[in-house]
């Protein structure tokens, strides 16, 4: 278990080994799931979206955000090369 702090601006720093393990990249969106006495942070991935099929109304917002983020990731990678 790792302990982190919340900044005065409400920001969290997710440790590098955790980001790497779950494939969390800069600018990626996460879902905050609130439970009774704790929260869960989940990266939005293709797998996550496929599990939501039929649960959310078919507006396409979440999928559009995911596709936009993938395009941004590819653009960032190509700039770094």
PDB file of N, CA and C in Angstrom:
ATOM      1  N   UNK A   1       0.850  -1.174   0.000  1.00  0.00           N
ATOM      2  CA  UNK A   1       0.000   0.000   0.000  1.00  0.00           C
ATOM      3  C   UNK A   1       0.893   1.233   0.000  1.00  0.00           C
ATOM      4  N   UNK A   2       0.542   2.211  -0.816  1.00  0.00           N
ATOM      5  CA  UNK A   2       1.291   3.454  -0.938  1.00  0.00           C
ATOM      6  C   UNK A   2       0.410   4.594  -0.449  1.00  0.00           C
ATOM      7  N   UNK A   3       0.995   5.520   0.281  1.00  0.00           N
ATOM      8  CA  UNK A   3       0.269   6.693   0.768  1.00  0.00           C
ATOM      9  C   UNK A   3       0.636   7.890  -0.090  1.00  0.00           C
ATOM     10  N   UNK A   4      -0.370   8.658  -0.505  1.00  0.00           N
ATOM     11  CA  UNK A   4      -0.130   9.882  -1.271  1.00  0.00           C
ATOM     12  C   UNK A   4      -0.870  11.026  -0.605  1.00  0.00           C
ATOM     13  N   UNK A   5      -0.535  12.254  -0.978  1.00  0.00           N
ATOM     14  CA  UNK A   5      -1.194  13.436  -0.415  1.00  0.00           C
ATOM     15  C   UNK A   5      -1.973  14.164  -1.497  1.00  0.00           C
ATOM     16  N   UNK A   6      -2.970  14.900  -1.054  1.00  0.00           N
ATOM     17  CA  UNK A   6      -3.745  15.749  -1.943  1.00  0.00           C
ATOM     18  C   UNK A   6      -3.192  17.160  -1.799  1.00  0.00           C
ATOM     19  N   UNK A   7      -2.901  17.823  -2.924  1.00  0.00           N
ATOM     20  CA  UNK A   7      -2.364  19.181  -2.874  1.00  0.00           C
ATOM     21  C   UNK A   7      -3.458  20.171  -2.498  1.00  0.00           C
ATOM     22  N   UNK A   8      -3.066  21.408  -2.267  1.00  0.00           N
ATOM     23  CA  UNK A   8      -4.038  22.455  -1.927  1.00  0.00           C
ATOM     24  C   UNK A   8      -5.005  22.710  -3.081  1.00  0.00           C
ATOM     25  N   UNK A   9      -4.610  22.285  -4.281  1.00  0.00           N
ATOM     26  CA  UNK A   9      -5.473  22.436  -5.455  1.00  0.00           C
ATOM     27  C   UNK A   9      -6.283  21.172  -5.739  1.00  0.00           C
ATOM     28  N   UNK A  10      -6.223  20.190  -4.846  1.00  0.00           N
ATOM     29  CA  UNK A  10      -6.997  18.957  -5.019  1.00  0.00           C
ATOM     30  C   UNK A  10      -6.350  17.943  -5.941  1.00  0.00           C
ATOM     31  N   UNK A  11      -5.069  18.117  -6.246  1.00  0.00           N
ATOM     32  CA  UNK A  11      -4.383  17.221  -7.167  1.00  0.00           C
ATOM     33  C   UNK A  11      -3.710  16.070  -6.415  1.00  0.00           C
ATOM     34  N   UNK A  12      -3.651  14.915  -7.094  1.00  0.00           N
ATOM     35  CA  UNK A  12      -2.968  13.732  -6.579  1.00  0.00           C
ATOM     36  C   UNK A  12      -1.797  13.416  -7.490  1.00  0.00           C
ATOM     37  N   UNK A  13      -0.747  12.847  -6.928  1.00  0.00           N
ATOM     38  CA  UNK A  13       0.346  12.334  -7.748  1.00  0.00           C
ATOM     39  C   UNK A  13       0.307  10.815  -7.618  1.00  0.00           C
ATOM     40  N   UNK A  14       0.036  10.161  -8.726  1.00  0.00           N
ATOM     41  CA  UNK A  14       0.010   8.699  -8.735  1.00  0.00           C
ATOM     42  C   UNK A  14       1.450   8.237  -8.965  1.00  0.00           C
ATOM     43  N   UNK A  15       1.980   7.394  -8.084  1.00  0.00           N
ATOM     44  CA  UNK A  15       3.369   6.948  -8.226  1.00  0.00           C
ATOM     45  C   UNK A  15       3.643   6.331  -9.603  1.00  0.00           C
ATOM     46  N   UNK A  16       4.878   6.534 -10.085  1.00  0.00           N
ATOM     47  CA  UNK A  16       5.273   6.071 -11.420  1.00  0.00           C
ATOM     48  C   UNK A  16       5.033   4.575 -11.610  1.00  0.00           C
ATOM     49  N   UNK A  17       5.379   3.759 -10.606  1.00  0.00           N
ATOM     50  CA  UNK A  17       5.205   2.308 -10.782  1.00  0.00           C
ATOM     51  C   UNK A  17       3.727   1.935 -10.928  1.00  0.00           C
ATOM     52  N   UNK A  18       2.845   2.686 -10.305  1.00  0.00           N
ATOM     53  CA  UNK A  18       1.405   2.429 -10.428  1.00  0.00           C
ATOM     54  C   UNK A  18       0.921   2.867 -11.806  1.00  0.00           C
ATOM     55  N   UNK A  19       1.377   4.051 -12.265  1.00  0.00           N
ATOM     56  CA  UNK A  19       0.990   4.522 -13.606  1.00  0.00           C
ATOM     57  C   UNK A  19       1.454   3.547 -14.674  1.00  0.00           C
ATOM     58  N   UNK A  20       2.681   3.052 -14.536  1.00  0.00           N
ATOM     59  CA  UNK A  20       3.216   2.104 -15.517  1.00  0.00           C
ATOM     60  C   UNK A  20       2.438   0.795 -15.504  1.00  0.00           C
ATOM     61  N   UNK A  21       2.136   0.309 -14.319  1.00  0.00           N
ATOM     62  CA  UNK A  21       1.419  -0.975 -14.190  1.00  0.00           C
ATOM     63  C   UNK A  21       0.057  -0.936 -14.881  1.00  0.00           C
ATOM     64  N   UNK A  22      -0.626   0.216 -14.750  1.00  0.00           N
ATOM     65  CA  UNK A  22      -1.976   0.317 -15.304  1.00  0.00           C
ATOM     66  C   UNK A  22      -2.032   1.110 -16.609  1.00  0.00           C
ATOM     67  N   UNK A  23      -0.870   1.457 -17.149  1.00  0.00           N
ATOM     68  CA  UNK A  23      -0.820   2.138 -18.441  1.00  0.00           C
ATOM     69  C   UNK A  23      -1.412   3.535 -18.423  1.00  0.00           C
ATOM     70  N   UNK A  24      -1.300   4.239 -17.306  1.00  0.00           N
ATOM     71  CA  UNK A  24      -1.853   5.591 -17.185  1.00  0.00           C
ATOM     72  C   UNK A  24      -0.836   6.575 -17.747  1.00  0.00           C
ATOM     73  N   UNK A  25      -1.265   7.361 -18.734  1.00  0.00           N
ATOM     74  CA  UNK A  25      -0.407   8.330 -19.409  1.00  0.00           C
ATOM     75  C   UNK A  25      -0.820   9.754 -19.030  1.00  0.00           C
ATOM     76  N   UNK A  26       0.078  10.694 -19.271  1.00  0.00           N
ATOM     77  CA  UNK A  26      -0.215  12.107 -19.013  1.00  0.00           C
ATOM     78  C   UNK A  26      -1.466  12.533 -19.778  1.00  0.00           C
ATOM     79  N   UNK A  27      -2.380  13.197 -19.104  1.00  0.00           N
ATOM     80  CA  UNK A  27      -3.598  13.693 -19.732  1.00  0.00           C
ATOM     81  C   UNK A  27      -4.717  12.671 -19.860  1.00  0.00           C
ATOM     82  N   UNK A  28      -4.442  11.415 -19.518  1.00  0.00           N
ATOM     83  CA  UNK A  28      -5.464  10.374 -19.631  1.00  0.00           C
ATOM     84  C   UNK A  28      -6.578  10.623 -18.619  1.00  0.00           C
ATOM     85  N   UNK A  29      -7.760  10.275 -19.004  1.00  0.00           N
ATOM     86  CA  UNK A  29      -8.911  10.423 -18.109  1.00  0.00           C
ATOM     87  C   UNK A  29      -9.063   9.190 -17.238  1.00  0.00           C
ATOM     88  N   UNK A  30      -9.522   9.440 -16.010  1.00  0.00           N
ATOM     89  CA  UNK A  30      -9.811   8.370 -15.063  1.00  0.00           C
ATOM     90  C   UNK A  30     -11.239   8.553 -14.571  1.00  0.00           C
ATOM     91  N   UNK A  31     -11.857   7.485 -14.190  1.00  0.00           N
ATOM     92  CA  UNK A  31     -13.194   7.526 -13.606  1.00  0.00           C
ATOM     93  C   UNK A  31     -13.032   7.409 -12.092  1.00  0.00           C
ATOM     94  N   UNK A  32     -13.756   8.251 -11.351  1.00  0.00           N
ATOM     95  CA  UNK A  32     -13.768   8.142  -9.894  1.00  0.00           C
ATOM     96  C   UNK A  32     -15.067   7.453  -9.505  1.00  0.00           C
ATOM     97  N   UNK A  33     -14.934   6.310  -8.890  1.00  0.00           N
ATOM     98  CA  UNK A  33     -16.088   5.545  -8.431  1.00  0.00           C
ATOM     99  C   UNK A  33     -16.166   5.708  -6.914  1.00  0.00           C
ATOM    100  N   UNK A  34     -17.270   6.247  -6.435  1.00  0.00           N
ATOM    101  CA  UNK A  34     -17.435   6.481  -5.002  1.00  0.00           C
ATOM    102  C   UNK A  34     -18.147   5.307  -4.344  1.00  0.00           C
ATOM    103  N   UNK A  35     -17.534   4.780  -3.320  1.00  0.00           N
ATOM    104  CA  UNK A  35     -18.127   3.716  -2.510  1.00  0.00           C
ATOM    105  C   UNK A  35     -18.509   4.323  -1.166  1.00  0.00           C
ATOM    106  N   UNK A  36     -19.020   3.534  -0.288  1.00  0.00           N
ATOM    107  CA  UNK A  36     -19.481   4.034   1.004  1.00  0.00           C
ATOM    108  C   UNK A  36     -18.385   4.783   1.764  1.00  0.00           C
ATOM    109  N   UNK A  37     -17.212   4.179   1.916  1.00  0.00           N
ATOM    110  CA  UNK A  37     -16.150   4.814   2.707  1.00  0.00           C
ATOM    111  C   UNK A  37     -14.806   4.857   1.983  1.00  0.00           C
ATOM    112  N   UNK A  38     -14.812   4.720   0.646  1.00  0.00           N
ATOM    113  CA  UNK A  38     -13.569   4.812  -0.126  1.00  0.00           C
ATOM    114  C   UNK A  38     -13.899   5.161  -1.572  1.00  0.00           C
ATOM    115  N   UNK A  39     -12.867   5.494  -2.334  1.00  0.00           N
ATOM    116  CA  UNK A  39     -13.039   5.783  -3.765  1.00  0.00           C
ATOM    117  C   UNK A  39     -12.128   4.866  -4.573  1.00  0.00           C
ATOM    118  N   UNK A  40     -12.497   4.662  -5.834  1.00  0.00           N
ATOM    119  CA  UNK A  40     -11.704   3.857  -6.758  1.00  0.00           C
ATOM    120  C   UNK A  40     -11.410   4.730  -7.972  1.00  0.00           C
ATOM    121  N   UNK A  41     -10.138   4.773  -8.385  1.00  0.00           N
ATOM    122  CA  UNK A  41      -9.752   5.464  -9.619  1.00  0.00           C
ATOM    123  C   UNK A  41      -9.533   4.402 -10.683  1.00  0.00           C
ATOM    124  N   UNK A  42     -10.201   4.549 -11.823  1.00  0.00           N
ATOM    125  CA  UNK A  42     -10.059   3.584 -12.912  1.00  0.00           C
ATOM    126  C   UNK A  42      -9.698   4.320 -14.195  1.00  0.00           C
ATOM    127  N   UNK A  43      -8.610   3.889 -14.843  1.00  0.00           N
ATOM    128  CA  UNK A  43      -8.286   4.495 -16.133  1.00  0.00           C
ATOM    129  C   UNK A  43      -9.340   4.113 -17.167  1.00  0.00           C
ATOM    130  N   UNK A  44      -9.659   5.057 -18.034  1.00  0.00           N
ATOM    131  CA  UNK A  44     -10.614   4.770 -19.101  1.00  0.00           C
ATOM    132  C   UNK A  44      -9.838   4.114 -20.243  1.00  0.00           C
ATOM    133  N   UNK A  45     -10.120   2.849 -20.486  1.00  0.00           N
ATOM    134  CA  UNK A  45      -9.462   2.058 -21.525  1.00  0.00           C
ATOM    135  C   UNK A  45     -10.520   1.442 -22.431  1.00  0.00           C
ATOM    136  N   UNK A  46     -10.082   0.814 -23.514  1.00  0.00           N
ATOM    137  CA  UNK A  46     -11.035   0.116 -24.398  1.00  0.00           C
ATOM    138  C   UNK A  46     -11.789  -0.947 -23.618  1.00  0.00           C
ATOM    139  N   UNK A  47     -11.080  -1.670 -22.758  1.00  0.00           N
ATOM    140  CA  UNK A  47     -11.692  -2.721 -21.946  1.00  0.00           C
ATOM    141  C   UNK A  47     -12.753  -2.132 -21.020  1.00  0.00           C
ATOM    142  N   UNK A  48     -12.448  -1.015 -20.401  1.00  0.00           N
ATOM    143  CA  UNK A  48     -13.397  -0.344 -19.501  1.00  0.00           C
ATOM    144  C   UNK A  48     -14.655   0.053 -20.267  1.00  0.00           C
ATOM    145  N   UNK A  49     -14.461   0.631 -21.450  1.00  0.00           N
ATOM    146  CA  UNK A  49     -15.601   1.078 -22.261  1.00  0.00           C
ATOM    147  C   UNK A  49     -16.444  -0.102 -22.710  1.00  0.00           C
ATOM    148  N   UNK A  50     -15.796  -1.208 -23.108  1.00  0.00           N
ATOM    149  CA  UNK A  50     -16.561  -2.368 -23.565  1.00  0.00           C
ATOM    150  C   UNK A  50     -17.409  -2.957 -22.436  1.00  0.00           C
ATOM    151  N   UNK A  51     -16.923  -2.867 -21.199  1.00  0.00           N
ATOM    152  CA  UNK A  51     -17.704  -3.361 -20.063  1.00  0.00           C
ATOM    153  C   UNK A  51     -18.933  -2.496 -19.804  1.00  0.00           C
ATOM    154  N   UNK A  52     -18.898  -1.241 -20.253  1.00  0.00           N
ATOM    155  CA  UNK A  52     -20.025  -0.322 -20.041  1.00  0.00           C
ATOM    156  C   UNK A  52     -21.095  -0.440 -21.115  1.00  0.00           C
ATOM    157  N   UNK A  53     -20.817  -1.213 -22.165  1.00  0.00           N
ATOM    158  CA  UNK A  53     -21.792  -1.369 -23.243  1.00  0.00           C
ATOM    159  C   UNK A  53     -23.139  -1.800 -22.688  1.00  0.00           C
ATOM    160  N   UNK A  54     -24.161  -1.055 -23.048  1.00  0.00           N
ATOM    161  CA  UNK A  54     -25.503  -1.383 -22.595  1.00  0.00           C
ATOM    162  C   UNK A  54     -25.844  -0.814 -21.227  1.00  0.00           C
ATOM    163  N   UNK A  55     -24.847  -0.306 -20.501  1.00  0.00           N
ATOM    164  CA  UNK A  55     -25.101   0.273 -19.181  1.00  0.00           C
ATOM    165  C   UNK A  55     -25.403   1.754 -19.306  1.00  0.00           C
ATOM    166  N   UNK A  56     -24.662   2.436 -20.188  1.00  0.00           N
ATOM    167  CA  UNK A  56     -24.839   3.871 -20.393  1.00  0.00           C
ATOM    168  C   UNK A  56     -25.667   4.118 -21.643  1.00  0.00           C
ATOM    169  N   UNK A  57     -26.350   5.276 -21.674  1.00  0.00           N
ATOM    170  CA  UNK A  57     -27.087   5.618 -22.891  1.00  0.00           C
ATOM    171  C   UNK A  57     -26.116   5.797 -24.062  1.00  0.00           C
ATOM    172  N   UNK A  58     -26.544   5.455 -25.276  1.00  0.00           N
ATOM    173  CA  UNK A  58     -25.646   5.480 -26.440  1.00  0.00           C
ATOM    174  C   UNK A  58     -25.377   6.877 -26.993  1.00  0.00           C
ATOM    175  N   UNK A  59     -24.869   7.796 -26.175  1.00  0.00           N
ATOM    176  CA  UNK A  59     -24.546   9.145 -26.649  1.00  0.00           C
ATOM    177  C   UNK A  59     -23.168   9.189 -27.275  1.00  0.00           C
ATOM    178  N   UNK A  60     -22.290   8.283 -26.875  1.00  0.00           N
ATOM    179  CA  UNK A  60     -20.967   8.222 -27.487  1.00  0.00           C
ATOM    180  C   UNK A  60     -19.938   9.161 -26.891  1.00  0.00           C
ATOM    181  N   UNK A  61     -20.277   9.938 -25.878  1.00  0.00           N
ATOM    182  CA  UNK A  61     -19.342  10.896 -25.295  1.00  0.00           C
ATOM    183  C   UNK A  61     -18.097  10.253 -24.733  1.00  0.00           C
ATOM    184  N   UNK A  62     -18.256   9.181 -23.991  1.00  0.00           N
ATOM    185  CA  UNK A  62     -17.115   8.512 -23.373  1.00  0.00           C
ATOM    186  C   UNK A  62     -16.201   7.910 -24.435  1.00  0.00           C
ATOM    187  N   UNK A  63     -16.791   7.289 -25.426  1.00  0.00           N
ATOM    188  CA  UNK A  63     -16.002   6.695 -26.504  1.00  0.00           C
ATOM    189  C   UNK A  63     -15.293   7.785 -27.309  1.00  0.00           C
ATOM    190  N   UNK A  64     -15.983   8.887 -27.579  1.00  0.00           N
ATOM    191  CA  UNK A  64     -15.363   9.994 -28.312  1.00  0.00           C
ATOM    192  C   UNK A  64     -14.175  10.547 -27.538  1.00  0.00           C
ATOM    193  N   UNK A  65     -14.316  10.711 -26.224  1.00  0.00           N
ATOM    194  CA  UNK A  65     -13.209  11.182 -25.384  1.00  0.00           C
ATOM    195  C   UNK A  65     -12.038  10.218 -25.446  1.00  0.00           C
ATOM    196  N   UNK A  66     -12.326   8.932 -25.420  1.00  0.00           N
ATOM    197  CA  UNK A  66     -11.274   7.917 -25.469  1.00  0.00           C
ATOM    198  C   UNK A  66     -10.519   7.995 -26.800  1.00  0.00           C
ATOM    199  N   UNK A  67     -11.248   8.091 -27.889  1.00  0.00           N
ATOM    200  CA  UNK A  67     -10.622   8.160 -29.212  1.00  0.00           C
ATOM    201  C   UNK A  67      -9.791   9.438 -29.333  1.00  0.00           C
ATOM    202  N   UNK A  68     -10.310  10.568 -28.857  1.00  0.00           N
ATOM    203  CA  UNK A  68      -9.556  11.828 -28.887  1.00  0.00           C
ATOM    204  C   UNK A  68      -8.251  11.689 -28.120  1.00  0.00           C
ATOM    205  N   UNK A  69      -8.317  11.073 -26.945  1.00  0.00           N
ATOM    206  CA  UNK A  69      -7.126  10.907 -26.123  1.00  0.00           C
ATOM    207  C   UNK A  69      -6.101  10.032 -26.830  1.00  0.00           C
ATOM    208  N   UNK A  70      -6.533   8.970 -27.484  1.00  0.00           N
ATOM    209  CA  UNK A  70      -5.617   8.096 -28.215  1.00  0.00           C
ATOM    210  C   UNK A  70      -4.910   8.875 -29.330  1.00  0.00           C
ATOM    211  N   UNK A  71      -5.639   9.747 -30.029  1.00  0.00           N
ATOM    212  CA  UNK A  71      -5.032  10.560 -31.077  1.00  0.00           C
ATOM    213  C   UNK A  71      -4.008  11.528 -30.481  1.00  0.00           C
ATOM    214  N   UNK A  72      -4.324  12.118 -29.323  1.00  0.00           N
ATOM    215  CA  UNK A  72      -3.382  13.018 -28.654  1.00  0.00           C
ATOM    216  C   UNK A  72      -2.128  12.264 -28.237  1.00  0.00           C
ATOM    217  N   UNK A  73      -2.306  11.058 -27.711  1.00  0.00           N
ATOM    218  CA  UNK A  73      -1.157  10.237 -27.298  1.00  0.00           C
ATOM    219  C   UNK A  73      -0.239   9.959 -28.480  1.00  0.00           C
ATOM    220  N   UNK A  74      -0.826   9.597 -29.617  1.00  0.00           N
ATOM    221  CA  UNK A  74      -0.028   9.310 -30.810  1.00  0.00           C
ATOM    222  C   UNK A  74       0.717  10.558 -31.277  1.00  0.00           C
ATOM    223  N   UNK A  75       0.057  11.706 -31.222  1.00  0.00           N
ATOM    224  CA  UNK A  75       0.696  12.959 -31.636  1.00  0.00           C
ATOM    225  C   UNK A  75       1.861  13.303 -30.707  1.00  0.00           C
ATOM    226  N   UNK A  76       1.688  13.108 -29.408  1.00  0.00           N
ATOM    227  CA  UNK A  76       2.759  13.375 -28.451  1.00  0.00           C
ATOM    228  C   UNK A  76       3.950  12.455 -28.689  1.00  0.00           C
ATOM    229  N   UNK A  77       3.675  11.180 -28.949  1.00  0.00           N
ATOM    230  CA  UNK A  77       4.762  10.224 -29.206  1.00  0.00           C
ATOM    231  C   UNK A  77       5.541  10.610 -30.457  1.00  0.00           C
ATOM    232  N   UNK A  78       4.831  11.024 -31.499  1.00  0.00           N
ATOM    233  CA  UNK A  78       5.511  11.364 -32.756  1.00  0.00           C
ATOM    234  C   UNK A  78       6.331  12.647 -32.597  1.00  0.00           C
ATOM    235  N   UNK A  79       5.901  13.589 -31.743  1.00  0.00           N
ATOM    236  CA  UNK A  79       6.670  14.819 -31.493  1.00  0.00           C
ATOM    237  C   UNK A  79       7.936  14.538 -30.714  1.00  0.00           C
ATOM    238  N   UNK A  80       7.887  13.545 -29.805  1.00  0.00           N
ATOM    239  CA  UNK A  80       9.036  13.226 -28.959  1.00  0.00           C
ATOM    240  C   UNK A  80      10.139  12.524 -29.721  1.00  0.00           C
ATOM    241  N   UNK A  81       9.812  11.928 -30.865  1.00  0.00           N
ATOM    242  CA  UNK A  81      10.805  11.166 -31.652  1.00  0.00           C
ATOM    243  C   UNK A  81      11.726  12.068 -32.420  1.00  0.00           C
TER     244      UNK A  81
END
